[in-house]
């Protein structure tokens, strides 16, 4: 799918709303994450969603993943010493046992999170010492 749109003095939220209006994509993000985007004019003609996102997110603290029609915006990962992490994995499913692709999970109290893959699977690194809580959501 190719996108075409232009906006004047746009915030990242304006760009997201326009993408949602002209496409079938939905977004998962938290509003404070969008502050690293400086307002600017944007113009896109016959470009892919990846081209729009790459352009809009360059020079920001954000990165994205696309799972089906869900785009997850998150803070760029910082390299953490693997020795300090343990990995938790699983499958997110609905009440009938059907996997939920694009479900998001977040380590409570942090900006560390991810989205499940097409089979509803996830694997996330959590601190070895101490307890943490994973928060799951699906729209």
N, C-alpha and C. Protein backbone atom coordinates (compact mmCIF):
# COMPACT_ATOMS: atom_id res chain seq x y z
N UNK A 1 0.84 -1.18 0.00
CA UNK A 1 0.00 0.00 0.00
C UNK A 1 0.88 1.24 0.00
N UNK A 2 0.59 2.17 -0.87
CA UNK A 2 1.33 3.43 -0.97
C UNK A 2 0.50 4.55 -0.34
N UNK A 3 1.18 5.43 0.36
CA UNK A 3 0.53 6.55 1.03
C UNK A 3 0.91 7.87 0.37
N UNK A 4 -0.02 8.80 0.37
CA UNK A 4 0.23 10.17 -0.11
C UNK A 4 -0.53 11.13 0.79
N UNK A 5 0.21 12.06 1.40
CA UNK A 5 -0.42 13.12 2.19
C UNK A 5 0.61 14.19 2.51
N UNK A 6 0.12 15.36 2.87
CA UNK A 6 1.01 16.44 3.31
C UNK A 6 0.33 17.17 4.46
N UNK A 7 1.16 17.65 5.39
CA UNK A 7 0.69 18.38 6.56
C UNK A 7 1.64 19.54 6.83
N UNK A 8 1.09 20.64 7.30
CA UNK A 8 1.90 21.81 7.65
C UNK A 8 2.07 21.86 9.16
N UNK A 9 3.30 22.17 9.61
CA UNK A 9 3.60 22.35 11.02
C UNK A 9 3.04 21.20 11.87
N UNK A 10 3.28 19.99 11.42
CA UNK A 10 2.67 18.80 12.02
C UNK A 10 3.45 18.27 13.21
N UNK A 11 2.72 17.79 14.20
CA UNK A 11 3.31 17.02 15.28
C UNK A 11 3.31 15.56 14.86
N UNK A 12 4.02 14.72 15.60
CA UNK A 12 4.00 13.29 15.27
C UNK A 12 2.59 12.72 15.46
N UNK A 13 1.86 13.23 16.43
CA UNK A 13 0.48 12.78 16.62
C UNK A 13 -0.37 13.13 15.40
N UNK A 14 -0.13 14.31 14.79
CA UNK A 14 -0.85 14.68 13.56
C UNK A 14 -0.54 13.68 12.45
N UNK A 15 0.74 13.31 12.32
CA UNK A 15 1.15 12.36 11.28
C UNK A 15 0.48 11.00 11.53
N UNK A 16 0.49 10.55 12.78
CA UNK A 16 -0.14 9.28 13.13
C UNK A 16 -1.63 9.30 12.78
N UNK A 17 -2.30 10.37 13.16
CA UNK A 17 -3.74 10.48 12.86
C UNK A 17 -4.01 10.47 11.36
N UNK A 18 -3.13 11.10 10.59
CA UNK A 18 -3.31 11.11 9.13
C UNK A 18 -3.07 9.72 8.55
N UNK A 19 -2.05 9.02 9.04
CA UNK A 19 -1.79 7.65 8.58
C UNK A 19 -3.01 6.77 8.88
N UNK A 20 -3.56 6.91 10.08
CA UNK A 20 -4.75 6.12 10.44
C UNK A 20 -5.93 6.46 9.53
N UNK A 21 -6.04 7.73 9.14
CA UNK A 21 -7.15 8.17 8.30
C UNK A 21 -7.05 7.60 6.88
N UNK A 22 -5.83 7.54 6.34
CA UNK A 22 -5.67 7.13 4.93
C UNK A 22 -5.27 5.66 4.76
N UNK A 23 -5.18 4.92 5.87
CA UNK A 23 -4.77 3.53 5.77
C UNK A 23 -5.53 2.68 6.79
N UNK A 24 -5.19 1.41 6.83
CA UNK A 24 -5.82 0.49 7.79
C UNK A 24 -4.94 0.27 9.01
N UNK A 25 -3.88 1.07 9.18
CA UNK A 25 -2.95 0.88 10.29
C UNK A 25 -3.49 1.47 11.58
N UNK A 26 -3.16 0.82 12.70
CA UNK A 26 -3.45 1.33 14.03
C UNK A 26 -2.11 1.47 14.76
N UNK A 27 -2.05 2.30 15.77
CA UNK A 27 -0.81 2.59 16.48
C UNK A 27 -0.94 2.29 17.96
N UNK A 28 0.18 1.85 18.53
CA UNK A 28 0.30 1.69 19.98
C UNK A 28 1.49 2.53 20.40
N UNK A 29 1.28 3.45 21.34
CA UNK A 29 2.34 4.33 21.84
C UNK A 29 1.84 5.03 23.08
N UNK A 30 2.75 5.70 23.78
CA UNK A 30 2.33 6.55 24.90
C UNK A 30 2.64 7.99 24.51
N UNK A 31 1.74 8.90 24.83
CA UNK A 31 1.88 10.30 24.43
C UNK A 31 3.23 10.93 24.79
N UNK A 32 3.78 10.69 25.99
CA UNK A 32 5.07 11.32 26.31
C UNK A 32 6.19 10.94 25.34
N UNK A 33 6.10 9.77 24.72
CA UNK A 33 7.13 9.34 23.78
C UNK A 33 7.19 10.22 22.54
N UNK A 34 6.11 10.89 22.22
CA UNK A 34 6.03 11.65 20.97
C UNK A 34 6.71 13.01 21.06
N UNK A 35 7.15 13.40 22.25
CA UNK A 35 7.71 14.74 22.44
C UNK A 35 9.04 14.95 21.72
N UNK A 36 9.76 13.88 21.38
CA UNK A 36 11.06 14.06 20.73
C UNK A 36 10.93 14.44 19.25
N UNK A 37 9.73 14.49 18.74
CA UNK A 37 9.49 14.87 17.34
C UNK A 37 9.25 16.37 17.28
N UNK A 38 10.06 17.06 16.49
CA UNK A 38 9.85 18.51 16.35
C UNK A 38 8.81 18.75 15.27
N UNK A 39 7.96 19.74 15.50
CA UNK A 39 6.93 20.06 14.51
C UNK A 39 7.59 20.47 13.21
N UNK A 40 7.01 20.01 12.10
CA UNK A 40 7.55 20.36 10.78
C UNK A 40 6.52 20.06 9.71
N UNK A 41 6.79 20.60 8.53
CA UNK A 41 5.97 20.30 7.36
C UNK A 41 6.38 18.93 6.83
N UNK A 42 5.41 18.11 6.47
CA UNK A 42 5.70 16.81 5.88
C UNK A 42 4.90 16.67 4.59
N UNK A 43 5.52 16.02 3.62
CA UNK A 43 4.84 15.76 2.34
C UNK A 43 5.33 14.41 1.82
N UNK A 44 4.40 13.52 1.58
CA UNK A 44 4.71 12.19 1.08
C UNK A 44 3.83 11.89 -0.12
N UNK A 45 4.43 11.31 -1.16
CA UNK A 45 3.67 10.95 -2.35
C UNK A 45 4.05 9.54 -2.77
N UNK A 46 3.08 8.66 -2.79
CA UNK A 46 3.26 7.27 -3.21
C UNK A 46 4.44 6.59 -2.52
N UNK A 47 4.44 6.63 -1.19
CA UNK A 47 5.51 6.00 -0.41
C UNK A 47 4.91 4.91 0.49
N UNK A 48 5.77 4.02 0.95
CA UNK A 48 5.33 2.95 1.85
C UNK A 48 5.23 3.48 3.28
N UNK A 49 4.54 2.74 4.12
CA UNK A 49 4.44 3.12 5.53
C UNK A 49 5.82 3.16 6.17
N UNK A 50 6.70 2.24 5.78
CA UNK A 50 8.06 2.23 6.34
C UNK A 50 8.82 3.50 5.96
N UNK A 51 8.64 3.97 4.72
CA UNK A 51 9.31 5.21 4.30
C UNK A 51 8.81 6.40 5.12
N UNK A 52 7.52 6.46 5.37
CA UNK A 52 6.96 7.55 6.19
C UNK A 52 7.54 7.49 7.59
N UNK A 53 7.50 6.31 8.20
CA UNK A 53 7.98 6.17 9.57
C UNK A 53 9.48 6.42 9.68
N UNK A 54 10.26 5.89 8.74
CA UNK A 54 11.70 6.13 8.75
C UNK A 54 12.00 7.62 8.69
N UNK A 55 11.30 8.34 7.83
CA UNK A 55 11.52 9.77 7.69
C UNK A 55 11.11 10.52 8.96
N UNK A 56 9.95 10.20 9.48
CA UNK A 56 9.43 10.93 10.65
C UNK A 56 10.19 10.62 11.93
N UNK A 57 10.72 9.42 12.05
CA UNK A 57 11.37 9.03 13.31
C UNK A 57 12.87 9.23 13.32
N UNK A 58 13.46 9.61 12.16
CA UNK A 58 14.90 9.88 12.19
C UNK A 58 15.13 11.08 13.12
N UNK A 59 16.23 11.08 13.79
CA UNK A 59 16.59 12.14 14.73
C UNK A 59 15.64 12.21 15.93
N UNK A 60 14.95 11.11 16.25
CA UNK A 60 14.13 11.05 17.46
C UNK A 60 14.65 9.90 18.31
N UNK A 61 14.07 9.74 19.47
CA UNK A 61 14.42 8.64 20.37
C UNK A 61 13.54 7.42 20.13
N UNK A 62 12.76 7.45 19.04
CA UNK A 62 11.77 6.40 18.81
C UNK A 62 12.17 5.43 17.70
N UNK A 63 11.66 4.22 17.83
CA UNK A 63 11.75 3.22 16.78
C UNK A 63 10.38 2.56 16.67
N UNK A 64 10.19 1.76 15.64
CA UNK A 64 8.88 1.15 15.44
C UNK A 64 9.01 -0.31 15.05
N UNK A 65 7.94 -1.04 15.30
CA UNK A 65 7.79 -2.39 14.78
C UNK A 65 6.39 -2.48 14.18
N UNK A 66 6.28 -3.27 13.13
CA UNK A 66 4.98 -3.45 12.48
C UNK A 66 4.60 -4.92 12.60
N UNK A 67 3.45 -5.17 13.20
CA UNK A 67 2.88 -6.51 13.30
C UNK A 67 1.50 -6.47 12.67
N UNK A 68 1.40 -7.00 11.46
CA UNK A 68 0.13 -6.93 10.75
C UNK A 68 -0.23 -5.48 10.48
N UNK A 69 -1.37 -5.04 10.96
CA UNK A 69 -1.79 -3.65 10.78
C UNK A 69 -1.56 -2.81 12.03
N UNK A 70 -0.77 -3.32 12.98
CA UNK A 70 -0.48 -2.59 14.20
C UNK A 70 0.97 -2.12 14.19
N UNK A 71 1.15 -0.83 14.43
CA UNK A 71 2.48 -0.23 14.50
C UNK A 71 2.73 0.16 15.95
N UNK A 72 3.82 -0.37 16.51
CA UNK A 72 4.17 -0.07 17.89
C UNK A 72 5.35 0.91 17.87
N UNK A 73 5.15 2.07 18.48
CA UNK A 73 6.22 3.05 18.65
C UNK A 73 6.78 2.89 20.05
N UNK A 74 8.10 2.85 20.16
CA UNK A 74 8.72 2.73 21.48
C UNK A 74 10.06 3.45 21.47
N UNK A 75 10.55 3.71 22.67
CA UNK A 75 11.86 4.33 22.79
C UNK A 75 12.90 3.36 22.26
N UNK A 76 13.93 3.90 21.60
CA UNK A 76 14.98 3.04 21.07
C UNK A 76 15.62 2.25 22.21
N UNK A 77 15.91 1.02 21.91
CA UNK A 77 16.53 0.14 22.90
C UNK A 77 17.93 0.62 23.22
N UNK A 78 18.25 0.54 24.49
CA UNK A 78 19.62 0.81 24.89
C UNK A 78 20.26 -0.53 25.17
N UNK A 79 21.52 -0.66 24.82
CA UNK A 79 22.23 -1.92 25.00
C UNK A 79 22.36 -2.21 26.49
N UNK A 80 21.81 -3.31 26.92
CA UNK A 80 21.90 -3.73 28.31
C UNK A 80 22.73 -5.01 28.36
N UNK A 81 23.56 -5.10 29.35
CA UNK A 81 24.39 -6.28 29.53
C UNK A 81 23.51 -7.51 29.71
N UNK A 82 23.62 -8.46 28.80
CA UNK A 82 22.79 -9.67 28.86
C UNK A 82 22.97 -10.44 30.16
N UNK A 83 24.12 -10.27 30.82
CA UNK A 83 24.36 -10.96 32.08
C UNK A 83 23.38 -10.52 33.17
N UNK A 84 22.83 -9.30 33.05
CA UNK A 84 21.93 -8.79 34.09
C UNK A 84 20.46 -9.10 33.77
N UNK A 85 20.22 -9.85 32.69
CA UNK A 85 18.84 -10.14 32.28
C UNK A 85 18.52 -11.62 32.34
N UNK A 86 17.26 -11.90 32.59
CA UNK A 86 16.72 -13.24 32.35
C UNK A 86 15.60 -13.04 31.34
N UNK A 87 15.29 -14.06 30.60
CA UNK A 87 14.29 -13.92 29.54
C UNK A 87 13.00 -14.64 29.90
N UNK A 88 11.91 -13.95 29.67
CA UNK A 88 10.58 -14.48 29.90
C UNK A 88 9.93 -14.60 28.53
N UNK A 89 9.32 -15.73 28.26
CA UNK A 89 8.67 -15.91 26.96
C UNK A 89 7.32 -16.57 27.15
N UNK A 90 6.49 -16.44 26.13
CA UNK A 90 5.18 -17.04 26.20
C UNK A 90 4.35 -16.70 24.99
N UNK A 91 3.08 -17.01 25.08
CA UNK A 91 2.13 -16.73 24.01
C UNK A 91 0.94 -15.99 24.63
N UNK A 92 0.53 -14.91 23.99
CA UNK A 92 -0.65 -14.17 24.41
C UNK A 92 -1.81 -14.67 23.56
N UNK A 93 -2.89 -15.09 24.25
CA UNK A 93 -4.05 -15.62 23.52
C UNK A 93 -5.34 -15.08 24.11
N UNK A 94 -6.41 -15.21 23.35
CA UNK A 94 -7.72 -14.77 23.83
C UNK A 94 -8.36 -15.90 24.65
N UNK A 95 -9.57 -15.67 25.13
CA UNK A 95 -10.26 -16.64 25.98
C UNK A 95 -10.48 -17.98 25.29
N UNK A 96 -10.51 -17.97 23.95
CA UNK A 96 -10.70 -19.21 23.19
C UNK A 96 -9.39 -19.91 22.86
N UNK A 97 -8.27 -19.30 23.27
CA UNK A 97 -6.97 -19.90 22.99
C UNK A 97 -6.36 -19.47 21.68
N UNK A 98 -6.99 -18.53 20.96
CA UNK A 98 -6.44 -18.04 19.70
C UNK A 98 -5.32 -17.04 19.98
N UNK A 99 -4.16 -17.18 19.31
CA UNK A 99 -3.05 -16.25 19.56
C UNK A 99 -3.42 -14.82 19.15
N UNK A 100 -2.85 -13.85 19.86
CA UNK A 100 -3.12 -12.43 19.60
C UNK A 100 -1.86 -11.75 19.05
N UNK A 101 -1.72 -11.69 17.73
CA UNK A 101 -0.58 -10.98 17.15
C UNK A 101 -0.72 -9.48 17.39
N UNK A 102 0.40 -8.83 17.69
CA UNK A 102 0.38 -7.38 17.90
C UNK A 102 -0.04 -6.96 19.29
N UNK A 103 -0.27 -7.93 20.21
CA UNK A 103 -0.53 -7.56 21.60
C UNK A 103 0.74 -6.92 22.15
N UNK A 104 0.59 -5.93 23.00
CA UNK A 104 1.77 -5.26 23.53
C UNK A 104 1.99 -5.66 24.98
N UNK A 105 3.27 -5.69 25.36
CA UNK A 105 3.60 -5.92 26.75
C UNK A 105 4.66 -4.92 27.15
N UNK A 106 4.58 -4.50 28.40
CA UNK A 106 5.45 -3.46 28.94
C UNK A 106 5.88 -3.89 30.32
N UNK A 107 7.17 -3.67 30.65
CA UNK A 107 7.62 -3.92 32.01
C UNK A 107 7.17 -2.73 32.83
N UNK A 108 6.33 -2.97 33.82
CA UNK A 108 5.72 -1.90 34.62
C UNK A 108 6.80 -1.01 35.22
N UNK A 109 6.57 0.31 35.10
CA UNK A 109 7.50 1.29 35.65
C UNK A 109 8.67 1.61 34.75
N UNK A 110 8.68 1.05 33.53
CA UNK A 110 9.77 1.31 32.58
C UNK A 110 9.17 1.66 31.22
N UNK A 111 10.04 1.96 30.28
CA UNK A 111 9.60 2.15 28.89
C UNK A 111 9.98 0.94 28.04
N UNK A 112 10.38 -0.15 28.69
CA UNK A 112 10.77 -1.36 27.99
C UNK A 112 9.53 -2.18 27.67
N UNK A 113 9.37 -2.46 26.40
CA UNK A 113 8.21 -3.24 25.99
C UNK A 113 8.40 -3.79 24.59
N UNK A 114 7.39 -4.48 24.12
CA UNK A 114 7.44 -5.07 22.79
C UNK A 114 6.04 -5.47 22.37
N UNK A 115 5.93 -5.96 21.16
CA UNK A 115 4.67 -6.50 20.66
C UNK A 115 4.88 -7.97 20.32
N UNK A 116 3.81 -8.74 20.44
CA UNK A 116 3.89 -10.16 20.09
C UNK A 116 4.01 -10.32 18.57
N UNK A 117 4.58 -11.44 18.16
CA UNK A 117 4.72 -11.70 16.72
C UNK A 117 3.40 -12.21 16.14
N UNK A 118 3.44 -12.64 14.90
CA UNK A 118 2.23 -13.08 14.20
C UNK A 118 1.56 -14.28 14.86
N UNK A 119 2.31 -15.03 15.67
CA UNK A 119 1.76 -16.19 16.37
C UNK A 119 1.43 -15.88 17.83
N UNK A 120 1.46 -14.59 18.21
CA UNK A 120 1.17 -14.20 19.58
C UNK A 120 2.31 -14.44 20.55
N UNK A 121 3.49 -14.78 20.03
CA UNK A 121 4.63 -15.13 20.88
C UNK A 121 5.46 -13.90 21.25
N UNK A 122 6.08 -13.97 22.42
CA UNK A 122 6.98 -12.91 22.86
C UNK A 122 8.15 -13.52 23.63
N UNK A 123 9.25 -12.78 23.67
CA UNK A 123 10.41 -13.10 24.50
C UNK A 123 11.00 -11.76 24.89
N UNK A 124 11.04 -11.48 26.18
CA UNK A 124 11.50 -10.17 26.65
C UNK A 124 12.50 -10.36 27.78
N UNK A 125 13.54 -9.54 27.77
CA UNK A 125 14.55 -9.56 28.82
C UNK A 125 14.11 -8.71 30.00
N UNK A 126 14.15 -9.31 31.19
CA UNK A 126 13.80 -8.60 32.42
C UNK A 126 14.98 -8.69 33.39
N UNK A 127 15.08 -7.74 34.32
CA UNK A 127 16.21 -7.78 35.27
C UNK A 127 16.21 -9.08 36.08
N UNK A 128 17.43 -9.67 36.25
CA UNK A 128 17.56 -10.91 37.01
C UNK A 128 17.22 -10.69 38.48
N UNK A 129 17.72 -9.59 39.02
CA UNK A 129 17.50 -9.35 40.45
C UNK A 129 16.25 -8.50 40.66
N UNK A 130 15.46 -8.86 41.63
CA UNK A 130 14.24 -8.12 41.91
C UNK A 130 13.06 -8.65 41.12
N UNK A 131 11.91 -8.13 41.46
CA UNK A 131 10.68 -8.54 40.80
C UNK A 131 10.26 -7.50 39.79
N UNK A 132 9.53 -7.93 38.79
CA UNK A 132 8.94 -6.98 37.85
C UNK A 132 7.59 -7.53 37.42
N UNK A 133 6.77 -6.62 36.93
CA UNK A 133 5.44 -7.01 36.48
C UNK A 133 5.31 -6.68 35.00
N UNK A 134 4.77 -7.60 34.24
CA UNK A 134 4.51 -7.36 32.83
C UNK A 134 3.06 -6.94 32.67
N UNK A 135 2.84 -5.88 31.89
CA UNK A 135 1.50 -5.40 31.60
C UNK A 135 1.19 -5.71 30.14
N UNK A 136 0.10 -6.42 29.91
CA UNK A 136 -0.29 -6.82 28.56
C UNK A 136 -1.51 -6.02 28.13
N UNK A 137 -1.54 -5.66 26.84
CA UNK A 137 -2.73 -5.00 26.30
C UNK A 137 -2.91 -5.41 24.85
N UNK A 138 -4.17 -5.35 24.42
CA UNK A 138 -4.49 -5.70 23.04
C UNK A 138 -5.68 -4.86 22.61
N UNK A 139 -5.54 -4.21 21.46
CA UNK A 139 -6.64 -3.36 20.98
C UNK A 139 -7.27 -4.00 19.77
